[in-house]
Amino acid sequence: MSAGLCAARADTVQTSLYSPVTLSGSTIVPISLQGLTPVDNTTVTAPGLYTITFSVAPNQGVVQGASGGNYAIPVAGASGGQPEYLTGDYGSALTLNSADSGNYLSTGAGTITITFDSPQNSIALLWGSVDTTNSLTLNDGSGTITGTTLQGLTPGFTSNGAQGPGGSIYVVIGSTLGFTTATFSSPTPSFEFGGIVGSDEPFEIVPEPSSVLLLGSGLGLVIVAVRRRRIA
């Protein structure tokens, strides 16, 4: 485990090889993209829970599968050296068959905003084919998290924009002040992400069987205090 510092408010950022899990008693708000017909970039509303708005090109938004030069499926695990993908939203099963992968979000060279109806204290997601130009901002004054930062934090990360195992990262952000909007942006194609879930409590990252390892063997976990203090 290693730790670093960023200049912003009291948020924590965790990156890991393992899918995060919720703590007992947490109230979670999973972002549901299944049942939508790709490609879709009209406003998505889940009454009482969240709204998703898009400022993207016509071929971006809610997508499925891969489109060369436009978007690539976030890699959620690896089995026998082959990439595995989420079949749905947060907590869904994995598949080796890309045709069976679920819907996810892709910004292209644009912006997607998720607005929660009630304040959240944590958000988790699978950040696909991490590019240096990708960025995520919460409206809690904590600053912006970039792909460059995540690449430097994550042991086993392979290379910028890699579309196989080692190019996607599980990311958990904890907010002490709470937030209602999460803004995902990229000036170049693309920022792909899925398995998104908000929570009123922190997420936990625990070792899981090797079949769901994202970046290789062994546990890789980085906790960064986004304040002027170190969090163990």
Foldseek 3Di string as FASTA:
>chain_A
DDEDEAAWDFKKKKWKQFAWAADPPKDKQWDFLPPDDPPDQPWDDDPQWKIKHADADPRFFWHADDDPQADHAAFQAADPQATWAAQTAAPGDIDSDSVSHYIWGKRAQTKMKMFTPDWFFKKKKKKGQFAQQKWKDFPPGLDIDGSVNVQVQWPLQDDHSDRTQNRIIIMMMGHPRTGGMMMIHGNHTITIMGNMMTINDGIDGDDDDNRRGRRDDDIIMYMYGHHPDIDD
